[in-house]
C-alpha atoms as a PDB file:
ATOM      1  CA  MET A   1      72.132 -24.066  -0.701  1.00  0.00           C
ATOM      2  CA  ALA A   2      72.546 -21.209   2.102  1.00  0.00           C
ATOM      3  CA  ARG A   3      74.157 -22.379   5.563  1.00  0.00           C
ATOM      4  CA  SER A   4      71.754 -22.534   7.894  1.00  0.00           C
ATOM      5  CA  THR A   5      72.613 -20.103  10.450  1.00  0.00           C
ATOM      6  CA  TYR A   6      70.017 -21.129  13.344  1.00  0.00           C
ATOM      7  CA  GLN A   7      70.659 -20.947  16.601  1.00  0.00           C
ATOM      8  CA  PHE A   8      70.020 -24.016  19.260  1.00  0.00           C
ATOM      9  CA  ASP A   9      67.462 -22.510  21.993  1.00  0.00           C
ATOM     10  CA  ARG A  10      66.708 -25.089  25.124  1.00  0.00           C
ATOM     11  CA  TRP A  11      63.100 -23.947  24.689  1.00  0.00           C
ATOM     12  CA  LYS A  12      62.739 -22.708  21.643  1.00  0.00           C
ATOM     13  CA  PRO A  13      62.054 -25.482  19.340  1.00  0.00           C
ATOM     14  CA  ARG A  14      62.558 -25.558  15.817  1.00  0.00           C
ATOM     15  CA  GLU A  15      60.570 -28.174  14.218  1.00  0.00           C
ATOM     16  CA  LYS A  16      56.957 -27.084  13.754  1.00  0.00           C
ATOM     17  CA  SER A  17      55.771 -30.616  15.863  1.00  0.00           C
ATOM     18  CA  THR A  18      57.106 -32.959  18.039  1.00  0.00           C
ATOM     19  CA  TRP A  19      58.657 -36.473  16.949  1.00  0.00           C
ATOM     20  CA  VAL A  20      55.626 -38.485  18.552  1.00  0.00           C
ATOM     21  CA  PHE A  21      53.386 -36.157  16.318  1.00  0.00           C
ATOM     22  CA  ARG A  22      55.529 -37.377  13.301  1.00  0.00           C
ATOM     23  CA  VAL A  23      54.603 -40.865  13.800  1.00  0.00           C
ATOM     24  CA  PHE A  24      51.183 -40.059  14.864  1.00  0.00           C
ATOM     25  CA  LYS A  25      50.630 -38.215  11.492  1.00  0.00           C
ATOM     26  CA  LYS A  26      51.777 -41.478   9.524  1.00  0.00           C
ATOM     27  CA  HIS A  27      49.582 -43.420  11.309  1.00  0.00           C
ATOM     28  CA  ASN A  28      46.441 -41.724  10.440  1.00  0.00           C
ATOM     29  CA  ILE A  29      48.262 -41.227   7.310  1.00  0.00           C
ATOM     30  CA  GLU A  30      48.262 -45.062   6.793  1.00  0.00           C
ATOM     31  CA  LEU A  31      44.976 -45.632   8.132  1.00  0.00           C
ATOM     32  CA  LEU A  32      42.966 -43.233   5.802  1.00  0.00           C
ATOM     33  CA  ARG A  33      44.962 -44.493   2.701  1.00  0.00           C
ATOM     34  CA  MET A  34      43.537 -47.949   3.278  1.00  0.00           C
ATOM     35  CA  TYR A  35      40.073 -46.191   4.782  1.00  0.00           C
ATOM     36  CA  THR A  36      39.788 -44.323   0.931  1.00  0.00           C
ATOM     37  CA  ALA A  37      40.821 -47.619  -1.093  1.00  0.00           C
ATOM     38  CA  PHE A  38      37.689 -49.474   0.596  1.00  0.00           C
ATOM     39  CA  GLU A  39      35.615 -46.814  -0.267  1.00  0.00           C
ATOM     40  CA  THR A  40      36.474 -45.855  -3.717  1.00  0.00           C
ATOM     41  CA  SER A  41      36.368 -49.911  -4.290  1.00  0.00           C
ATOM     42  CA  ARG A  42      32.530 -49.683  -2.964  1.00  0.00           C
ATOM     43  CA  ARG A  43      31.877 -46.990  -5.067  1.00  0.00           C
ATOM     44  CA  TYR A  44      33.051 -48.910  -8.216  1.00  0.00           C
ATOM     45  CA  THR A  45      31.514 -52.159  -7.377  1.00  0.00           C
ATOM     46  CA  TYR A  46      27.885 -50.273  -6.689  1.00  0.00           C
ATOM     47  CA  SER A  47      28.588 -48.447  -9.972  1.00  0.00           C
ATOM     48  CA  HIS A  48      29.140 -51.661 -12.058  1.00  0.00           C
ATOM     49  CA  LEU A  49      26.237 -53.455 -10.325  1.00  0.00           C
ATOM     50  CA  GLY A  50      24.126 -50.896 -11.009  1.00  0.00           C
ATOM     51  CA  LYS A  51      24.353 -51.182 -15.229  1.00  0.00           C
ATOM     52  CA  THR A  52      23.977 -55.102 -14.675  1.00  0.00           C
ATOM     53  CA  ALA A  53      22.446 -56.320 -11.501  1.00  0.00           C
ATOM     54  CA  GLN A  54      18.748 -56.608 -10.433  1.00  0.00           C
ATOM     55  CA  TRP A  55      18.254 -56.678  -6.598  1.00  0.00           C
ATOM     56  CA  THR A  56      16.137 -60.339  -7.298  1.00  0.00           C
ATOM     57  CA  ASP A  57      19.247 -61.616  -9.087  1.00  0.00           C
ATOM     58  CA  GLN A  58      21.024 -64.347  -7.048  1.00  0.00           C
ATOM     59  CA  PRO A  59      24.602 -63.482  -6.251  1.00  0.00           C
ATOM     60  CA  SER A  60      26.297 -66.096  -7.999  1.00  0.00           C
ATOM     61  CA  LYS A  61      24.963 -64.390 -11.251  1.00  0.00           C
ATOM     62  CA  HIS A  62      27.203 -61.435 -10.454  1.00  0.00           C
ATOM     63  CA  PHE A  63      30.111 -62.462  -8.262  1.00  0.00           C
ATOM     64  CA  ALA A  64      32.274 -65.821  -8.155  1.00  0.00           C
ATOM     65  CA  PHE A  65      32.144 -67.219  -4.310  1.00  0.00           C
ATOM     66  CA  VAL A  66      34.500 -69.175  -2.392  1.00  0.00           C
ATOM     67  CA  ARG A  67      33.880 -71.930  -0.378  1.00  0.00           C
ATOM     68  CA  PRO A  68      32.984 -72.213   2.507  1.00  0.00           C
ATOM     69  CA  LEU A  69      32.050 -68.872   3.387  1.00  0.00           C
ATOM     70  CA  GLY A  70      30.098 -69.114  -0.182  1.00  0.00           C
ATOM     71  CA  TYR A  71      26.999 -67.600  -2.096  1.00  0.00           C
ATOM     72  CA  ASP A  72      24.592 -69.607  -0.215  1.00  0.00           C
ATOM     73  CA  GLN A  73      24.387 -66.871   2.873  1.00  0.00           C
ATOM     74  CA  PHE A  74      22.614 -64.789  -0.075  1.00  0.00           C
ATOM     75  CA  GLU A  75      19.591 -65.735  -1.757  1.00  0.00           C
ATOM     76  CA  THR A  76      19.211 -62.050  -3.424  1.00  0.00           C
ATOM     77  CA  MET A  77      21.518 -59.326  -4.496  1.00  0.00           C
ATOM     78  CA  ARG A  78      19.497 -57.026  -1.799  1.00  0.00           C
ATOM     79  CA  GLU A  79      20.252 -59.661   1.013  1.00  0.00           C
ATOM     80  CA  TRP A  80      24.118 -59.640  -0.112  1.00  0.00           C
ATOM     81  CA  SER A  81      23.990 -55.593  -0.380  1.00  0.00           C
ATOM     82  CA  GLY A  82      22.351 -55.400   3.140  1.00  0.00           C
ATOM     83  CA  ALA A  83      25.398 -57.023   4.334  1.00  0.00           C
ATOM     84  CA  TYR A  84      27.551 -55.373   2.498  1.00  0.00           C
ATOM     85  CA  ASN A  85      25.969 -51.687   4.024  1.00  0.00           C
ATOM     86  CA  ASP A  86      26.859 -53.888   7.682  1.00  0.00           C
ATOM     87  CA  LEU A  87      30.409 -54.248   6.469  1.00  0.00           C
ATOM     88  CA  GLU A  88      31.096 -50.439   5.783  1.00  0.00           C
ATOM     89  CA  ASN A  89      29.594 -49.897   8.965  1.00  0.00           C
ATOM     90  CA  TRP A  90      32.003 -52.141  10.657  1.00  0.00           C
ATOM     91  CA  VAL A  91      34.510 -50.712   8.680  1.00  0.00           C
ATOM     92  CA  ASN A  92      33.921 -47.231  10.189  1.00  0.00           C
ATOM     93  CA  LEU A  93      33.323 -48.540  13.311  1.00  0.00           C
ATOM     94  CA  ASN A  94      36.791 -50.032  13.626  1.00  0.00           C
ATOM     95  CA  ALA A  95      38.612 -47.201  11.818  1.00  0.00           C
ATOM     96  CA  LEU A  96      37.065 -45.286  14.609  1.00  0.00           C
ATOM     97  CA  VAL A  97      38.945 -47.667  17.337  1.00  0.00           C
ATOM     98  CA  ALA A  98      42.083 -46.964  15.084  1.00  0.00           C
ATOM     99  CA  VAL A  99      42.059 -43.604  15.174  1.00  0.00           C
ATOM    100  CA  ALA A 100      40.882 -43.653  19.047  1.00  0.00           C
ATOM    101  CA  SER A 101      43.882 -46.244  20.263  1.00  0.00           C
ATOM    102  CA  SER A 102      46.582 -43.565  18.331  1.00  0.00           C
ATOM    103  CA  LEU A 103      45.348 -40.828  19.686  1.00  0.00           C
ATOM    104  CA  GLU A 104      45.772 -42.387  23.437  1.00  0.00           C
ATOM    105  CA  THR A 105      49.328 -43.851  22.065  1.00  0.00           C
ATOM    106  CA  TYR A 106      49.941 -39.935  21.170  1.00  0.00           C
ATOM    107  CA  PHE A 107      49.212 -39.093  24.582  1.00  0.00           C
ATOM    108  CA  ALA A 108      50.512 -41.996  26.347  1.00  0.00           C
ATOM    109  CA  THR A 109      53.968 -40.746  24.368  1.00  0.00           C
ATOM    110  CA  VAL A 110      54.068 -36.903  24.233  1.00  0.00           C
ATOM    111  CA  ILE A 111      53.090 -36.142  28.178  1.00  0.00           C
ATOM    112  CA  PRO A 112      55.972 -38.356  29.218  1.00  0.00           C
ATOM    113  CA  LEU A 113      58.127 -36.544  27.301  1.00  0.00           C
ATOM    114  CA  ALA A 114      56.966 -33.412  28.720  1.00  0.00           C
ATOM    115  CA  LEU A 115      56.852 -34.047  31.764  1.00  0.00           C
ATOM    116  CA  ALA A 116      60.783 -35.767  31.614  1.00  0.00           C
ATOM    117  CA  SER A 117      61.682 -32.511  29.636  1.00  0.00           C
ATOM    118  CA  ASP A 118      60.358 -29.675  32.246  1.00  0.00           C
ATOM    119  CA  VAL A 119      60.120 -31.814  35.310  1.00  0.00           C
ATOM    120  CA  GLY A 120      59.191 -28.947  37.390  1.00  0.00           C
ATOM    121  CA  THR A 121      55.987 -28.251  35.963  1.00  0.00           C
ATOM    122  CA  LEU A 122      54.968 -31.069  38.426  1.00  0.00           C
ATOM    123  CA  TYR A 123      55.867 -28.505  41.459  1.00  0.00           C
ATOM    124  CA  GLY A 124      54.525 -25.496  39.625  1.00  0.00           C
ATOM    125  CA  THR A 125      57.739 -24.161  38.598  1.00  0.00           C
ATOM    126  CA  SER A 126      58.020 -24.694  34.823  1.00  0.00           C
ATOM    127  CA  ARG A 127      61.487 -24.627  32.847  1.00  0.00           C
ATOM    128  CA  ARG A 128      62.931 -24.202  36.361  1.00  0.00           C
ATOM    129  CA  ILE A 129      64.429 -28.179  36.253  1.00  0.00           C
ATOM    130  CA  ASP A 130      66.106 -28.983  33.117  1.00  0.00           C
ATOM    131  CA  GLY A 131      65.234 -32.572  32.889  1.00  0.00           C
ATOM    132  CA  ILE A 132      68.014 -33.293  30.284  1.00  0.00           C
ATOM    133  CA  GLN A 133      70.101 -33.020  33.173  1.00  0.00           C
ATOM    134  CA  ILE A 134      68.205 -35.783  35.377  1.00  0.00           C
ATOM    135  CA  LEU A 135      68.609 -37.634  32.294  1.00  0.00           C
ATOM    136  CA  LYS A 136      72.230 -36.953  32.140  1.00  0.00           C
ATOM    137  CA  HIS A 137      73.414 -37.631  35.615  1.00  0.00           C
ATOM    138  CA  GLY A 138      70.517 -39.236  37.548  1.00  0.00           C
ATOM    139  CA  HIS A 139      69.948 -42.894  37.814  1.00  0.00           C
ATOM    140  CA  ALA A 140      68.193 -44.963  34.838  1.00  0.00           C
ATOM    141  CA  ASN A 141      64.399 -44.737  36.463  1.00  0.00           C
ATOM    142  CA  ALA A 142      65.228 -41.505  38.048  1.00  0.00           C
ATOM    143  CA  LEU A 143      61.852 -40.748  35.903  1.00  0.00           C
ATOM    144  CA  ASP A 144      58.449 -42.426  36.574  1.00  0.00           C
ATOM    145  CA  PHE A 145      55.301 -40.589  35.102  1.00  0.00           C
ATOM    146  CA  GLU A 146      53.060 -44.146  34.642  1.00  0.00           C
ATOM    147  CA  GLN A 147      50.383 -42.588  36.957  1.00  0.00           C
ATOM    148  CA  HIS A 148      49.777 -38.950  35.365  1.00  0.00           C
ATOM    149  CA  VAL A 149      49.744 -40.851  32.013  1.00  0.00           C
ATOM    150  CA  ILE A 150      46.971 -43.137  33.156  1.00  0.00           C
ATOM    151  CA  ALA A 151      44.937 -40.272  34.863  1.00  0.00           C
ATOM    152  CA  CYS A 152      45.426 -38.594  31.317  1.00  0.00           C
ATOM    153  CA  THR A 153      44.369 -42.126  28.774  1.00  0.00           C
ATOM    154  CA  LYS A 154      42.002 -43.508  31.190  1.00  0.00           C
ATOM    155  CA  GLY A 155      38.164 -42.481  31.994  1.00  0.00           C
ATOM    156  CA  ASP A 156      35.870 -39.951  30.514  1.00  0.00           C
ATOM    157  CA  TRP A 157      37.467 -37.011  29.039  1.00  0.00           C
ATOM    158  CA  SER A 158      36.245 -34.665  31.212  1.00  0.00           C
ATOM    159  CA  SER A 159      38.581 -36.511  34.156  1.00  0.00           C
ATOM    160  CA  ARG A 160      41.021 -36.736  31.197  1.00  0.00           C
ATOM    161  CA  LEU A 161      41.128 -33.073  30.752  1.00  0.00           C
ATOM    162  CA  ALA A 162      40.823 -32.309  34.241  1.00  0.00           C
ATOM    163  CA  ALA A 163      43.942 -34.244  34.743  1.00  0.00           C
ATOM    164  CA  TYR A 164      45.847 -32.728  31.929  1.00  0.00           C
ATOM    165  CA  GLU A 165      44.888 -29.141  33.152  1.00  0.00           C
ATOM    166  CA  LYS A 166      46.587 -30.090  37.248  1.00  0.00           C
ATOM    167  CA  LEU A 167      49.568 -31.319  35.289  1.00  0.00           C
ATOM    168  CA  PHE A 168      50.277 -28.495  32.774  1.00  0.00           C
ATOM    169  CA  GLY A 169      48.361 -25.283  34.453  1.00  0.00           C
ATOM    170  CA  ARG A 170      45.981 -24.993  31.268  1.00  0.00           C
ATOM    171  CA  ALA A 171      44.674 -27.135  28.527  1.00  0.00           C
ATOM    172  CA  PRO A 172      44.263 -26.059  24.697  1.00  0.00           C
ATOM    173  CA  LYS A 173      40.831 -24.586  24.463  1.00  0.00           C
ATOM    174  CA  PHE A 174      39.993 -27.130  21.843  1.00  0.00           C
ATOM    175  CA  PHE A 175      40.288 -29.560  24.135  1.00  0.00           C
ATOM    176  CA  SER A 176      37.838 -28.412  26.729  1.00  0.00           C
ATOM    177  CA  SER A 177      35.379 -27.523  23.880  1.00  0.00           C
ATOM    178  CA  ASN A 178      34.934 -30.817  22.023  1.00  0.00           C
ATOM    179  CA  ILE A 179      34.389 -33.171  25.291  1.00  0.00           C
ATOM    180  CA  ALA A 180      31.149 -34.111  24.024  1.00  0.00           C
ATOM    181  CA  ASP A 181      33.013 -35.890  20.634  1.00  0.00           C
ATOM    182  CA  LEU A 182      35.621 -37.431  22.447  1.00  0.00           C
ATOM    183  CA  GLU A 183      32.989 -38.968  24.977  1.00  0.00           C
ATOM    184  CA  ARG A 184      31.372 -39.865  21.451  1.00  0.00           C
ATOM    185  CA  ILE A 185      34.320 -41.464  20.035  1.00  0.00           C
ATOM    186  CA  ARG A 186      35.558 -43.206  23.615  1.00  0.00           C
ATOM    187  CA  ILE A 187      31.997 -45.080  23.987  1.00  0.00           C
ATOM    188  CA  LEU A 188      31.772 -46.171  20.511  1.00  0.00           C
ATOM    189  CA  ARG A 189      35.545 -47.470  20.233  1.00  0.00           C
ATOM    190  CA  ASN A 190      34.458 -49.624  23.747  1.00  0.00           C
ATOM    191  CA  ASN A 191      31.593 -50.811  22.149  1.00  0.00           C
ATOM    192  CA  ALA A 192      33.453 -51.807  19.016  1.00  0.00           C
ATOM    193  CA  ALA A 193      36.452 -53.433  20.843  1.00  0.00           C
ATOM    194  CA  HIS A 194      35.067 -55.243  23.373  1.00  0.00           C
ATOM    195  CA  SER A 195      31.427 -56.140  22.290  1.00  0.00           C
ATOM    196  CA  PHE A 196      30.936 -56.568  18.184  1.00  0.00           C
ATOM    197  CA  GLY A 197      29.769 -53.066  18.000  1.00  0.00           C
ATOM    198  CA  ARG A 198      26.780 -52.935  20.273  1.00  0.00           C
ATOM    199  CA  ASP A 199      26.493 -51.027  24.135  1.00  0.00           C
ATOM    200  CA  ILE A 200      28.685 -53.068  26.114  1.00  0.00           C
ATOM    201  CA  GLU A 201      26.073 -52.798  29.238  1.00  0.00           C
ATOM    202  CA  ALA A 202      23.065 -54.365  27.328  1.00  0.00           C
ATOM    203  CA  SER A 203      25.237 -56.965  25.319  1.00  0.00           C
ATOM    204  CA  ARG A 204      25.972 -58.749  29.006  1.00  0.00           C
ATOM    205  CA  GLU A 205      22.511 -58.831  29.845  1.00  0.00           C
ATOM    206  CA  ARG A 206      22.035 -62.775  30.545  1.00  0.00           C
ATOM    207  CA  GLN A 207      17.931 -62.858  30.506  1.00  0.00           C
ATOM    208  CA  GLN A 208      18.133 -62.807  26.666  1.00  0.00           C
ATOM    209  CA  VAL A 209      19.560 -64.929  23.485  1.00  0.00           C
ATOM    210  CA  LYS A 210      18.646 -62.145  20.891  1.00  0.00           C
ATOM    211  CA  THR A 211      21.563 -60.056  19.202  1.00  0.00           C
ATOM    212  CA  LEU A 212      21.557 -55.986  19.646  1.00  0.00           C
ATOM    213  CA  PRO A 213      21.409 -53.870  16.740  1.00  0.00           C
ATOM    214  CA  MET A 214      25.075 -52.766  16.098  1.00  0.00           C
ATOM    215  CA  GLU A 215      25.966 -48.865  16.849  1.00  0.00           C
ATOM    216  CA  ALA A 216      25.426 -47.151  13.383  1.00  0.00           C
ATOM    217  CA  LEU A 217      28.176 -44.549  12.201  1.00  0.00           C
ATOM    218  CA  SER A 218      27.925 -43.283   8.780  1.00  0.00           C
ATOM    219  CA  ARG A 219      31.251 -42.527   6.475  1.00  0.00           C
ATOM    220  CA  SER A 220      31.099 -38.542   7.114  1.00  0.00           C
ATOM    221  CA  SER A 221      30.758 -39.124  10.993  1.00  0.00           C
ATOM    222  CA  PHE A 222      33.461 -41.102  11.483  1.00  0.00           C
ATOM    223  CA  LEU A 223      35.624 -38.372   8.811  1.00  0.00           C
ATOM    224  CA  ASN A 224      34.193 -35.756  11.413  1.00  0.00           C
ATOM    225  CA  LEU A 225      35.388 -37.741  14.464  1.00  0.00           C
ATOM    226  CA  GLN A 226      38.956 -38.444  12.739  1.00  0.00           C
ATOM    227  CA  LYS A 227      39.293 -34.592  12.542  1.00  0.00           C
ATOM    228  CA  THR A 228      38.641 -34.036  16.104  1.00  0.00           C
ATOM    229  CA  THR A 229      40.989 -36.082  17.303  1.00  0.00           C
ATOM    230  CA  TRP A 230      43.518 -34.674  14.678  1.00  0.00           C
ATOM    231  CA  LYS A 231      42.979 -31.332  15.640  1.00  0.00           C
ATOM    232  CA  LEU A 232      43.156 -31.886  19.156  1.00  0.00           C
ATOM    233  CA  ALA A 233      46.645 -33.860  18.891  1.00  0.00           C
ATOM    234  CA  LYS A 234      47.795 -31.121  17.069  1.00  0.00           C
ATOM    235  CA  ALA A 235      47.000 -28.603  19.160  1.00  0.00           C
ATOM    236  CA  ILE A 236      48.466 -30.810  22.335  1.00  0.00           C
ATOM    237  CA  ASP A 237      51.298 -31.087  20.212  1.00  0.00           C
ATOM    238  CA  VAL A 238      51.698 -27.135  20.029  1.00  0.00           C
ATOM    239  CA  HIS A 239      51.467 -26.606  22.936  1.00  0.00           C
ATOM    240  CA  LEU A 240      53.468 -29.416  24.845  1.00  0.00           C
ATOM    241  CA  HIS A 241      56.631 -28.821  22.020  1.00  0.00           C
ATOM    242  CA  GLN A 242      56.484 -24.885  22.337  1.00  0.00           C
ATOM    243  CA  PHE A 243      55.800 -24.465  26.414  1.00  0.00           C
ATOM    244  CA  HIS A 244      57.503 -27.597  28.284  1.00  0.00           C
ATOM    245  CA  ILE A 245      59.456 -29.769  25.545  1.00  0.00           C
ATOM    246  CA  GLY A 246      61.527 -27.963  23.193  1.00  0.00           C
ATOM    247  CA  GLU A 247      64.541 -28.823  22.076  1.00  0.00           C
ATOM    248  CA  PHE A 248      64.477 -31.768  24.805  1.00  0.00           C
ATOM    249  CA  GLN A 249      63.968 -34.544  21.813  1.00  0.00           C
ATOM    250  CA  ALA A 250      67.184 -33.267  20.100  1.00  0.00           C
ATOM    251  CA  LEU A 251      69.109 -33.232  23.552  1.00  0.00           C
ATOM    252  CA  ALA A 252      67.994 -36.566  24.170  1.00  0.00           C
ATOM    253  CA  PHE A 253      69.210 -37.942  21.037  1.00  0.00           C
ATOM    254  CA  TYR A 254      72.546 -36.539  21.750  1.00  0.00           C
ATOM    255  CA  HIS A 255      72.437 -37.931  25.045  1.00  0.00           C
ATOM    256  CA  SER A 256      71.802 -41.821  23.117  1.00  0.00           C
ATOM    257  CA  ILE A 257      74.977 -40.974  21.116  1.00  0.00           C
ATOM    258  CA  PHE A 258      77.384 -39.586  23.315  1.00  0.00           C
ATOM    259  CA  PRO A 259      79.253 -42.374  24.814  1.00  0.00           C
ATOM    260  CA  THR A 260      79.744 -43.769  21.288  1.00  0.00           C
ATOM    261  CA  LEU A 261      81.622 -40.348  20.122  1.00  0.00           C
ATOM    262  CA  ARG A 262      84.980 -39.517  20.402  1.00  0.00           C
ATOM    263  CA  HIS A 263      85.560 -37.196  23.827  1.00  0.00           C
ATOM    264  CA  ASP A 264      89.367 -36.514  22.708  1.00  0.00           C
ATOM    265  CA  LEU A 265      87.893 -34.249  20.209  1.00  0.00           C
ATOM    266  CA  HIS A 266      86.907 -31.071  19.989  1.00  0.00           C
ATOM    267  CA  VAL A 267      83.270 -30.422  20.810  1.00  0.00           C
ATOM    268  CA  GLY A 268      82.887 -29.213  17.146  1.00  0.00           C
ATOM    269  CA  GLU A 269      83.905 -32.667  15.698  1.00  0.00           C
ATOM    270  CA  ARG A 270      81.028 -33.948  17.707  1.00  0.00           C
ATOM    271  CA  ALA A 271      78.693 -31.298  16.687  1.00  0.00           C
ATOM    272  CA  MET A 272      79.380 -32.889  13.162  1.00  0.00           C
ATOM    273  CA  GLN A 273      78.793 -36.410  14.082  1.00  0.00           C
ATOM    274  CA  LEU A 274      75.543 -35.456  15.658  1.00  0.00           C
ATOM    275  CA  LYS A 275      74.352 -33.386  12.469  1.00  0.00           C
ATOM    276  CA  LYS A 276      74.993 -36.512  10.375  1.00  0.00           C
ATOM    277  CA  CYS A 277      72.963 -38.849  12.964  1.00  0.00           C
ATOM    278  CA  ILE A 278      70.280 -36.847  13.537  1.00  0.00           C
ATOM    279  CA  GLY A 279      69.976 -36.088   9.863  1.00  0.00           C
ATOM    280  CA  GLY A 280      69.645 -39.985   9.120  1.00  0.00           C
ATOM    281  CA  PHE A 281      66.866 -39.924  11.749  1.00  0.00           C
ATOM    282  CA  GLY A 282      65.419 -37.388  10.053  1.00  0.00           C
ATOM    283  CA  ALA A 283      65.476 -34.209  11.774  1.00  0.00           C
ATOM    284  CA  VAL A 284      67.301 -31.839   9.601  1.00  0.00           C
ATOM    285  CA  SER A 285      69.288 -29.550  11.509  1.00  0.00           C
ATOM    286  CA  GLY A 286      72.565 -26.710  10.818  1.00  0.00           C
ATOM    287  CA  LYS A 287      75.597 -27.122  12.084  1.00  0.00           C
ATOM    288  CA  ASP A 288      75.783 -23.968  14.308  1.00  0.00           C
ATOM    289  CA  PHE A 289      71.935 -25.837  15.886  1.00  0.00           C
ATOM    290  CA  CYS A 290      74.163 -28.951  16.211  1.00  0.00           C
ATOM    291  CA  ARG A 291      76.923 -27.028  18.014  1.00  0.00           C
ATOM    292  CA  GLY A 292      75.302 -25.077  20.675  1.00  0.00           C
ATOM    293  CA  LEU A 293      73.289 -28.378  21.129  1.00  0.00           C
ATOM    294  CA  ALA A 294      76.036 -30.219  21.867  1.00  0.00           C
ATOM    295  CA  GLU A 295      77.946 -27.534  23.738  1.00  0.00           C
ATOM    296  CA  TYR A 296      74.683 -26.988  26.186  1.00  0.00           C
ATOM    297  CA  TYR A 297      74.724 -30.857  26.506  1.00  0.00           C
ATOM    298  CA  GLU A 298      78.244 -31.177  27.791  1.00  0.00           C
ATOM    299  CA  ALA A 299      78.160 -28.081  29.826  1.00  0.00           C
ATOM    300  CA  LEU A 300      75.517 -29.594  32.201  1.00  0.00           C
END
């Protein structure tokens, strides 16, 4: 294999996405694997029941029920099927809760990362203050972006968009073009998480004892909304990675291992240690890149 000659450039990221997005991607893959397992089991169940069952059959004819939640809850297979359809809807709603939470976690992680990297953006002077200098020479709590993160992760999505644009000057077009879908996700997520899938305000009505119908979310609607969260995270990642984060993550990694390295050796030796350590972490970096990164950090 030819040796990589890629050179370190502080503001030009070598990798296609942030490490934060890679975690977001793994969470999405994990969720969709479970969701696919449920969907295939549902199809398999109905396919086989269609060959042997009648709507008027007792469920115990086809299933072995385990007490205390047993077959006596259903008199017919039609009743059982209705409950199964409710379960499918409940799975869709809770899968959306997971998707929405994953997106918020991504925002809450990547935004302070971008601000820590490009601190000057808070003052309209992007790339004029290298955050790695503050990380290296500042005190432990020099950077606190909690209020900025809250503004971008709480409230309706129009206010989150405004907060994001205030921080970074602009937002990806996909963000501003999909506020309606993002609002639907937020409302469904809150209803599912806080009121058993019902409208929150209506569920808190004190003058009634009846239960409200559950919010409906089909498989296709869930997958479309999941795709919206994926595309938004991807658009945000490209924007922040290319314009504000650059190689900050790799620099921060070197900063974290620097105290453990031998300082009496040539910088090239420490660069080799960086290459080994960062490779174990999952980031592939060539010798020239690591040497440039080490020299940049140590010269600050």
